[in-house]
Amino acid sequence: MRWLWRGLILAAVVALIVGYGLGDNEMWSRVRNDFMKDDKPYGVGDFRVHGESVISMKLAKPELTFKPMTQEQLDDPNSKAEFSEEWMNDVHQRANRRTVRILTGQLNSGVSTRFEEPAQQADWWLSPNRNTIYLATGWTDRTQESLPGQRYLPQLTQLFKSTDQGQEWEKLRWPEDQDITFLRFLDPQRGYLVGWGPKVWRTRDGGEHWNELQVPGGARNPENPREQFDLVALGEDNVLRMAFYDHATDTSQVHSLPWGEDISQQTLTIPGHTVMDIAANTEGMVFVLTTQGAPYFSLTTEQREAPRPSVVWSWNGDTLERLHEFPPELKGYALYLTPEEGLLFDGVNESSLQVSNVTAVSYDGGGSWKIEDEGRSAEGGYYDTQTGERWRVSGYSLYRREIP
């Protein structure tokens, strides 16, 4: 229909206007205005920039095309645009054709696909020198019909590895019925996989062998085989921390597993809050970002609409200290340690219909915070805790700023 094409064109124009409106200002400097524009369908994925090199892990929907419309159809306001292939009309077929891509290239010459695999979910780990990549994928045949008493359709899980920046790939041995949701690695040889259950596996030899580890009993739900932790984080102190909400006591439990140990220990609890992120330095000082209340999807509609402030806490091994509570309209999703030992709060401002990205930085251990509005319409971005570089994509444009 004409309104469909006009809507698509208008959406693209708005995205470009918003992106270019960000401009080159005191906060952001524009690096490119056509970042990953040629990879269809458009999306920047979970990208990383190092110097001039770019690498991205991108979950992509299939590209949809339409049959050419005749002039008579264009003149008829009731005519409908038709997909060029029949499968495009089926939402399940479209889901089956989703893929994950690893793209690499240079900022000045664009990126190209190095690896692609059917997937509806994926996670990856990229080594600091960009050489080693682990990639876990999950794919379900959405055209299947559930059997009587079957809660979930089976998922096919695969694990891949590259040691040459994504040029060549090896499929590692892995049980296809064991989900992998998160990858947490210390280095190319040592790391963890975390999946539904929840379950945790560890490797010491670069993924050749995996050992399943015991998880806290309270994290599991006998009625839900796909239960997950609220948060899994690997700190600079090489400690894996797992958080989950205990509804019986209305507290979040955080369990810690130092590298080399087989059984985690409960280290702290936070009453009435859900853990959103954890950051720990090399000395084991732990900082926790929480949202007030139980996990979102366990709440009633009324509870979801109530104010749920974000709070930052510290834990020194003995004492839990409430450092700062942000206004309820600021929703925090990530917490980082900056190169100059600052705390970086990453979230959004929901005080108006036009949600904007916000950061808040503290260089006095969480006592005082500088809040900054980073603008709207971010299609992707990340913060590099090693360099202090923060990257953002808006309207095809790639921006960079420094948060030391």
Protein backbone atom coordinates (compact mmCIF):
# COMPACT_ATOMS: atom_id res chain seq x y z
CA MET A 1 0.00 0.00 0.00
CA ARG A 2 1.06 3.56 -0.52
CA TRP A 3 0.78 4.24 3.20
CA LEU A 4 3.19 1.36 3.90
CA TRP A 5 5.90 2.76 1.64
CA ARG A 6 5.35 6.27 2.93
CA GLY A 7 5.58 4.99 6.51
CA LEU A 8 8.86 3.19 5.83
CA ILE A 9 10.34 6.24 4.12
CA LEU A 10 9.16 8.54 6.91
CA ALA A 11 10.66 6.27 9.59
CA ALA A 12 14.01 6.26 7.80
CA VAL A 13 13.97 10.04 7.42
CA VAL A 14 13.11 10.54 11.09
CA ALA A 15 15.94 8.22 12.14
CA LEU A 16 18.38 10.16 10.00
CA ILE A 17 17.17 13.53 11.32
CA VAL A 18 17.45 12.38 14.92
CA GLY A 19 20.87 10.90 14.31
CA TYR A 20 22.29 13.91 12.52
CA GLY A 21 20.68 16.16 15.11
CA LEU A 22 23.05 14.67 17.64
CA GLY A 23 25.87 16.20 15.61
CA ASP A 24 29.42 16.78 16.78
CA ASN A 25 29.13 18.44 20.17
CA GLU A 26 31.07 18.64 23.41
CA MET A 27 29.88 15.19 24.45
CA TRP A 28 30.00 13.17 21.22
CA SER A 29 32.25 13.21 18.16
CA ARG A 30 30.95 11.62 14.96
CA VAL A 31 33.25 8.94 13.55
CA ARG A 32 31.17 7.69 10.58
CA ASN A 33 27.82 8.60 9.02
CA ASP A 34 27.29 5.28 7.20
CA PHE A 35 28.21 2.74 9.87
CA MET A 36 27.24 -0.81 8.75
CA LYS A 37 24.60 0.73 6.49
CA ASP A 38 25.09 -1.82 3.70
CA ASP A 39 24.41 -4.97 5.78
CA LYS A 40 20.75 -5.85 5.24
CA PRO A 41 18.43 -5.84 7.03
CA TYR A 42 19.96 -2.89 8.84
CA GLY A 43 21.21 -3.35 12.38
CA VAL A 44 24.57 -2.80 14.05
CA GLY A 45 24.42 -5.74 16.44
CA ASP A 46 26.69 -6.08 19.44
CA PHE A 47 29.70 -4.37 17.87
CA ARG A 48 33.25 -3.57 19.05
CA VAL A 49 35.69 -1.00 17.66
CA HIS A 50 39.46 -1.20 18.09
CA GLY A 51 41.42 1.44 16.25
CA GLU A 52 40.05 1.20 12.71
CA SER A 53 38.88 -2.42 12.97
CA VAL A 54 35.26 -3.41 13.63
CA ILE A 55 33.72 -6.72 14.68
CA SER A 56 30.06 -7.36 15.45
CA MET A 57 27.78 -10.19 16.52
CA LYS A 58 24.42 -9.50 14.92
CA LEU A 59 21.09 -11.30 15.26
CA ALA A 60 19.29 -10.65 11.99
CA LYS A 61 15.76 -11.16 10.77
CA PRO A 62 15.35 -12.29 7.17
CA GLU A 63 15.16 -9.53 4.60
CA LEU A 64 11.60 -9.13 3.33
CA THR A 65 10.90 -8.03 -0.24
CA PHE A 66 7.73 -7.04 -2.08
CA LYS A 67 6.33 -7.63 -5.53
CA PRO A 68 6.36 -4.58 -7.84
CA MET A 69 3.05 -2.72 -7.78
CA THR A 70 1.24 -1.70 -10.92
CA GLN A 71 0.13 1.87 -11.44
CA GLU A 72 -3.46 0.75 -10.89
CA GLN A 73 -2.50 -0.72 -7.50
CA LEU A 74 -0.60 2.43 -6.57
CA ASP A 75 -3.66 4.54 -7.37
CA ASP A 76 -5.96 2.31 -5.30
CA PRO A 77 -5.84 3.32 -1.59
CA ASN A 78 -7.19 -0.12 -0.62
CA SER A 79 -4.53 -2.11 -2.46
CA LYS A 80 -2.01 -4.04 -0.41
CA ALA A 81 1.67 -4.62 -1.03
CA GLU A 82 2.41 -8.33 -1.47
CA PHE A 83 5.49 -10.17 -0.31
CA SER A 84 7.60 -11.52 -3.16
CA GLU A 85 7.69 -15.04 -1.68
CA GLU A 86 4.92 -16.98 0.06
CA TRP A 87 6.94 -17.92 3.18
CA MET A 88 7.24 -14.25 4.07
CA ASN A 89 3.56 -14.22 5.03
CA ASP A 90 4.16 -16.81 7.76
CA VAL A 91 5.50 -15.42 11.05
CA HIS A 92 6.85 -18.87 12.00
CA GLN A 93 8.75 -19.20 8.73
CA ARG A 94 10.22 -15.76 9.25
CA ALA A 95 11.35 -16.77 12.72
CA ASN A 96 12.97 -19.93 11.34
CA ARG A 97 15.03 -17.84 8.93
CA ARG A 98 16.58 -15.62 11.59
CA THR A 99 20.35 -15.91 11.77
CA VAL A 100 23.35 -14.77 13.76
CA ARG A 101 26.23 -13.20 11.88
CA ILE A 102 29.79 -12.37 12.76
CA LEU A 103 30.88 -9.37 10.70
CA THR A 104 34.39 -7.92 10.54
CA GLY A 105 36.03 -5.07 8.65
CA GLN A 106 37.38 -1.54 8.85
CA LEU A 107 35.69 1.74 9.67
CA ASN A 108 36.75 3.31 6.38
CA SER A 109 35.92 0.36 4.11
CA GLY A 110 32.89 -1.33 5.69
CA VAL A 111 32.28 -4.79 7.12
CA SER A 112 31.42 -8.17 5.63
CA THR A 113 29.94 -11.39 6.99
CA ARG A 114 32.54 -13.94 8.14
CA PHE A 115 30.19 -16.46 9.70
CA GLU A 116 26.43 -17.04 9.65
CA GLU A 117 24.27 -19.65 11.35
CA PRO A 118 20.49 -20.07 11.90
CA ALA A 119 19.67 -18.70 15.36
CA GLN A 120 16.95 -16.91 17.27
CA GLN A 121 19.19 -16.28 20.25
CA ALA A 122 22.97 -16.02 20.64
CA ASP A 123 25.73 -14.83 22.92
CA TRP A 124 29.46 -14.41 22.32
CA TRP A 125 32.79 -13.68 23.99
CA LEU A 126 35.59 -11.76 22.32
CA SER A 127 39.13 -11.87 23.70
CA PRO A 128 40.84 -8.52 24.46
CA ASN A 129 43.23 -8.97 21.49
CA ARG A 130 40.24 -9.79 19.21
CA ASN A 131 41.78 -13.11 18.15
CA THR A 132 39.54 -15.62 19.96
CA ILE A 133 35.76 -15.69 19.66
CA TYR A 134 33.30 -18.07 21.29
CA LEU A 135 29.75 -18.06 19.91
CA ALA A 136 26.72 -19.94 21.27
CA THR A 137 23.52 -20.20 19.22
CA GLY A 138 19.96 -21.36 19.91
CA TRP A 139 17.42 -22.26 17.21
CA THR A 140 13.89 -23.67 17.45
CA ASP A 141 11.73 -24.86 14.59
CA ARG A 142 8.79 -22.52 15.07
CA THR A 143 6.65 -24.44 12.55
CA GLN A 144 6.39 -27.41 14.95
CA GLU A 145 3.23 -27.98 16.94
CA SER A 146 3.53 -28.55 20.66
CA LEU A 147 2.77 -32.05 21.88
CA PRO A 148 0.19 -32.58 24.66
CA GLY A 149 1.76 -31.56 27.99
CA GLN A 150 4.77 -30.00 26.25
CA ARG A 151 5.50 -26.56 27.67
CA TYR A 152 8.34 -25.63 25.33
CA LEU A 153 9.41 -26.59 21.84
CA PRO A 154 12.88 -28.18 21.79
CA GLN A 155 15.81 -25.90 21.03
CA LEU A 156 18.93 -26.82 19.06
CA THR A 157 22.01 -25.35 20.80
CA GLN A 158 25.45 -25.12 19.19
CA LEU A 159 28.85 -23.80 20.28
CA PHE A 160 31.49 -22.42 17.90
CA LYS A 161 35.02 -21.06 18.26
CA SER A 162 37.41 -19.02 16.13
CA THR A 163 41.06 -18.26 16.94
CA ASP A 164 41.81 -15.97 13.98
CA GLN A 165 39.42 -13.05 14.43
CA GLY A 166 36.51 -14.87 12.83
CA GLN A 167 38.15 -16.03 9.60
CA GLU A 168 37.83 -19.77 10.32
CA TRP A 169 35.44 -21.52 12.70
CA GLU A 170 35.33 -24.79 14.61
CA LYS A 171 32.15 -26.38 15.92
CA LEU A 172 32.85 -27.57 19.46
CA ARG A 173 31.35 -30.70 20.96
CA TRP A 174 28.21 -29.74 22.88
CA PRO A 175 24.89 -31.46 23.80
CA GLU A 176 22.33 -29.92 21.46
CA ASP A 177 19.58 -30.05 24.10
CA GLN A 178 21.56 -28.01 26.67
CA ASP A 179 20.88 -24.30 26.29
CA ILE A 180 23.69 -21.73 26.50
CA THR A 181 22.44 -18.26 27.39
CA PHE A 182 25.61 -16.54 28.61
CA LEU A 183 29.36 -16.89 28.06
CA ARG A 184 31.73 -15.57 30.74
CA PHE A 185 35.48 -16.04 30.11
CA LEU A 186 38.65 -15.04 31.95
CA ASP A 187 40.83 -15.71 28.90
CA PRO A 188 40.71 -17.89 25.75
CA GLN A 189 41.35 -21.06 27.79
CA ARG A 190 39.29 -20.52 30.95
CA GLY A 191 35.63 -19.71 31.18
CA TYR A 192 32.03 -20.55 32.00
CA LEU A 193 28.82 -21.25 30.13
CA VAL A 194 25.47 -20.53 31.78
CA GLY A 195 22.17 -21.95 30.55
CA TRP A 196 18.59 -22.76 31.42
CA GLY A 197 17.92 -24.60 34.65
CA PRO A 198 19.93 -22.65 35.58
CA LYS A 199 23.10 -24.63 34.87
CA VAL A 200 26.78 -23.66 34.88
CA TRP A 201 29.67 -25.37 33.07
CA ARG A 202 33.40 -24.62 33.25
CA THR A 203 36.30 -25.22 30.87
CA ARG A 204 40.03 -25.02 31.56
CA ASP A 205 41.23 -26.05 28.10
CA GLY A 206 39.63 -23.71 25.60
CA GLY A 207 36.34 -25.55 25.26
CA GLU A 208 37.68 -29.06 24.65
CA HIS A 209 36.08 -30.30 27.87
CA TRP A 210 33.31 -28.91 30.08
CA ASN A 211 32.41 -29.80 33.66
CA GLU A 212 28.97 -29.04 35.07
CA LEU A 213 29.11 -27.28 38.45
CA GLN A 214 26.64 -27.26 41.30
CA VAL A 215 24.34 -24.23 41.41
CA PRO A 216 22.46 -22.81 44.42
CA GLY A 217 19.33 -24.88 44.99
CA GLY A 218 17.21 -21.79 45.55
CA ALA A 219 17.92 -20.59 42.00
CA ARG A 220 15.95 -23.46 40.48
CA ASN A 221 12.21 -23.75 39.94
CA PRO A 222 10.95 -27.35 39.66
CA GLU A 223 8.01 -26.11 37.58
CA ASN A 224 10.19 -24.31 35.04
CA PRO A 225 13.10 -26.19 33.43
CA ARG A 226 14.13 -22.95 31.69
CA GLU A 227 14.60 -20.90 34.85
CA GLN A 228 17.50 -18.46 34.67
CA PHE A 229 19.58 -16.36 37.03
CA ASP A 230 18.60 -12.69 37.24
CA LEU A 231 22.24 -11.78 36.63
CA VAL A 232 25.57 -13.52 36.03
CA ALA A 233 28.76 -11.43 36.17
CA LEU A 234 32.48 -12.21 36.07
CA GLY A 235 34.50 -9.64 38.02
CA GLU A 236 38.03 -8.36 37.58
CA ASP A 237 38.86 -10.52 40.61
CA ASN A 238 38.06 -13.66 38.55
CA VAL A 239 34.99 -14.42 40.67
CA LEU A 240 31.75 -15.53 39.01
CA ARG A 241 28.75 -14.02 40.77
CA MET A 242 25.20 -15.31 40.30
CA ALA A 243 22.11 -13.45 41.53
CA PHE A 244 18.52 -14.61 41.84
CA TYR A 245 15.42 -13.41 43.66
CA ASP A 246 14.08 -15.50 46.55
CA HIS A 247 10.34 -14.82 46.56
CA ALA A 248 9.85 -16.60 49.90
CA THR A 249 11.98 -14.01 51.70
CA ASP A 250 11.67 -11.12 49.18
CA THR A 251 15.43 -10.84 48.89
CA SER A 252 18.01 -11.10 46.15
CA GLN A 253 20.73 -13.63 46.86
CA VAL A 254 24.20 -13.23 45.40
CA HIS A 255 26.42 -16.32 45.29
CA SER A 256 30.14 -16.19 44.48
CA LEU A 257 32.35 -18.78 42.78
CA PRO A 258 36.10 -17.98 42.73
CA TRP A 259 38.02 -19.54 39.84
CA GLY A 260 39.16 -23.06 40.69
CA GLU A 261 36.46 -23.74 43.26
CA ASP A 262 33.59 -26.12 42.51
CA ILE A 263 30.85 -24.89 44.85
CA SER A 264 29.62 -21.31 45.12
CA GLN A 265 28.91 -19.62 48.44
CA GLN A 266 26.20 -17.10 49.31
CA THR A 267 28.00 -13.82 49.99
CA LEU A 268 25.27 -11.23 50.40
CA THR A 269 21.53 -10.62 50.23
CA ILE A 270 19.66 -7.44 49.30
CA PRO A 271 16.09 -7.21 50.64
CA GLY A 272 13.34 -6.05 48.31
CA HIS A 273 15.51 -5.46 45.24
CA THR A 274 16.30 -7.24 41.95
CA VAL A 275 19.94 -7.32 40.87
CA MET A 276 20.52 -5.72 37.46
CA ASP A 277 24.34 -5.74 37.31
CA ILE A 278 27.48 -6.37 39.36
CA ALA A 279 30.99 -4.95 38.95
CA ALA A 280 34.01 -6.01 41.04
CA ASN A 281 37.59 -4.73 40.96
CA THR A 282 40.79 -6.74 41.28
CA GLU A 283 40.77 -6.30 45.06
CA GLY A 284 37.30 -7.84 45.35
CA MET A 285 35.38 -4.65 46.11
CA VAL A 286 31.90 -5.32 44.74
CA PHE A 287 29.37 -2.81 43.42
CA VAL A 288 25.78 -3.84 42.74
CA LEU A 289 23.07 -2.13 40.69
CA THR A 290 19.50 -3.04 41.67
CA THR A 291 15.91 -2.12 40.91
CA GLN A 292 13.44 -1.86 43.78
CA GLY A 293 11.01 -4.76 43.94
CA ALA A 294 10.84 -8.32 42.61
CA PRO A 295 11.76 -9.19 38.99
CA TYR A 296 9.55 -7.32 36.52
CA PHE A 297 7.80 -10.31 34.95
CA SER A 298 6.76 -11.67 38.34
CA LEU A 299 4.89 -8.47 39.24
CA THR A 300 1.23 -7.61 38.79
CA THR A 301 0.26 -4.82 36.39
CA GLU A 302 -0.27 -2.46 39.31
CA GLN A 303 3.16 -3.27 40.77
CA ARG A 304 4.85 -2.73 37.40
CA GLU A 305 3.38 0.75 37.15
CA ALA A 306 4.57 1.76 40.62
CA PRO A 307 7.85 3.73 40.97
CA ARG A 308 10.87 1.37 41.03
CA PRO A 309 14.03 3.37 41.75
CA SER A 310 17.50 2.12 40.77
CA VAL A 311 20.01 1.84 43.61
CA VAL A 312 23.78 1.35 43.72
CA TRP A 313 25.32 -0.62 46.61
CA SER A 314 28.83 -1.57 47.71
CA TRP A 315 30.08 -4.75 49.39
CA ASN A 316 33.55 -4.99 50.93
CA GLY A 317 33.27 -8.61 52.01
CA ASP A 318 31.67 -7.77 55.35
CA THR A 319 29.34 -4.79 54.99
CA LEU A 320 26.64 -3.93 52.46
CA GLU A 321 26.32 -0.16 52.00
CA ARG A 322 23.57 1.66 50.12
CA LEU A 323 25.51 4.25 48.14
CA HIS A 324 22.93 6.08 46.05
CA GLU A 325 19.29 5.95 44.96
CA PHE A 326 18.44 7.52 41.60
CA PRO A 327 15.13 9.25 40.82
CA PRO A 328 12.46 6.70 39.79
CA GLU A 329 12.39 7.96 36.18
CA LEU A 330 16.05 6.91 35.71
CA LYS A 331 16.13 3.17 35.00
CA GLY A 332 19.56 1.58 35.32
CA TYR A 333 20.57 -1.46 33.22
CA ALA A 334 24.35 -1.66 33.57
CA LEU A 335 27.14 -0.69 35.96
CA TYR A 336 30.81 -0.38 34.97
CA LEU A 337 34.18 0.38 36.54
CA THR A 338 35.99 3.04 34.50
CA PRO A 339 39.77 3.04 33.84
CA GLU A 340 40.22 5.80 36.45
CA GLU A 341 38.31 3.80 39.08
CA GLY A 342 35.03 5.61 38.64
CA LEU A 343 31.56 4.07 38.70
CA LEU A 344 29.48 4.40 35.54
CA PHE A 345 25.69 4.00 35.70
CA ASP A 346 24.07 3.26 32.32
CA GLY A 347 20.33 3.60 31.81
CA VAL A 348 17.42 5.54 30.35
CA ASN A 349 15.27 8.49 31.37
CA GLU A 350 11.56 7.60 31.15
CA SER A 351 10.22 10.94 32.38
CA SER A 352 8.72 11.77 28.96
CA LEU A 353 7.31 9.95 25.94
CA GLN A 354 10.65 10.37 24.18
CA VAL A 355 12.91 8.08 26.21
CA SER A 356 16.55 9.19 26.28
CA ASN A 357 19.77 7.43 27.23
CA VAL A 358 21.51 8.63 30.38
CA THR A 359 24.79 8.00 32.13
CA ALA A 360 25.87 8.92 35.64
CA VAL A 361 29.47 8.87 36.83
CA SER A 362 30.91 8.89 40.34
CA TYR A 363 34.60 9.28 41.16
CA ASP A 364 34.21 9.29 44.94
CA GLY A 365 33.04 5.74 45.50
CA GLY A 366 29.35 6.42 44.83
CA GLY A 367 28.84 9.44 47.05
CA SER A 368 28.14 12.00 44.34
CA TRP A 369 27.08 11.50 40.72
CA LYS A 370 27.18 13.56 37.54
CA ILE A 371 24.15 12.72 35.38
CA GLU A 372 24.27 13.36 31.63
CA ASP A 373 21.60 13.03 28.95
CA GLU A 374 23.15 11.27 25.93
CA GLY A 375 20.28 11.82 23.50
CA ARG A 376 17.57 9.67 21.93
CA SER A 377 17.26 6.97 19.31
CA ALA A 378 20.33 4.81 19.92
CA GLU A 379 20.35 1.71 17.70
CA GLY A 380 23.30 0.23 19.59
CA GLY A 381 26.37 1.00 21.63
CA TYR A 382 28.71 -0.12 24.38
CA TYR A 383 31.31 1.05 26.89
CA ASP A 384 34.92 -0.16 26.80
CA THR A 385 36.10 -0.54 30.40
CA GLN A 386 39.75 -0.81 29.26
CA THR A 387 39.98 2.36 27.17
CA GLY A 388 37.15 4.45 28.63
CA GLU A 389 35.62 4.84 25.15
CA ARG A 390 31.84 4.90 24.84
CA TRP A 391 30.32 4.20 21.43
CA ARG A 392 26.84 4.94 20.13
CA VAL A 393 25.01 4.45 16.83
CA SER A 394 22.09 6.68 15.87
CA GLY A 395 20.60 7.09 12.40
CA TYR A 396 23.49 5.23 10.65
CA SER A 397 26.02 7.49 12.40
CA LEU A 398 28.70 6.17 14.75
CA TYR A 399 29.64 8.43 17.66
CA ARG A 400 32.38 8.26 20.26
CA ARG A 401 33.04 9.91 23.62
CA GLU A 402 35.46 9.48 26.52
CA ILE A 403 34.46 8.53 30.07
CA PRO A 404 37.81 8.01 31.83
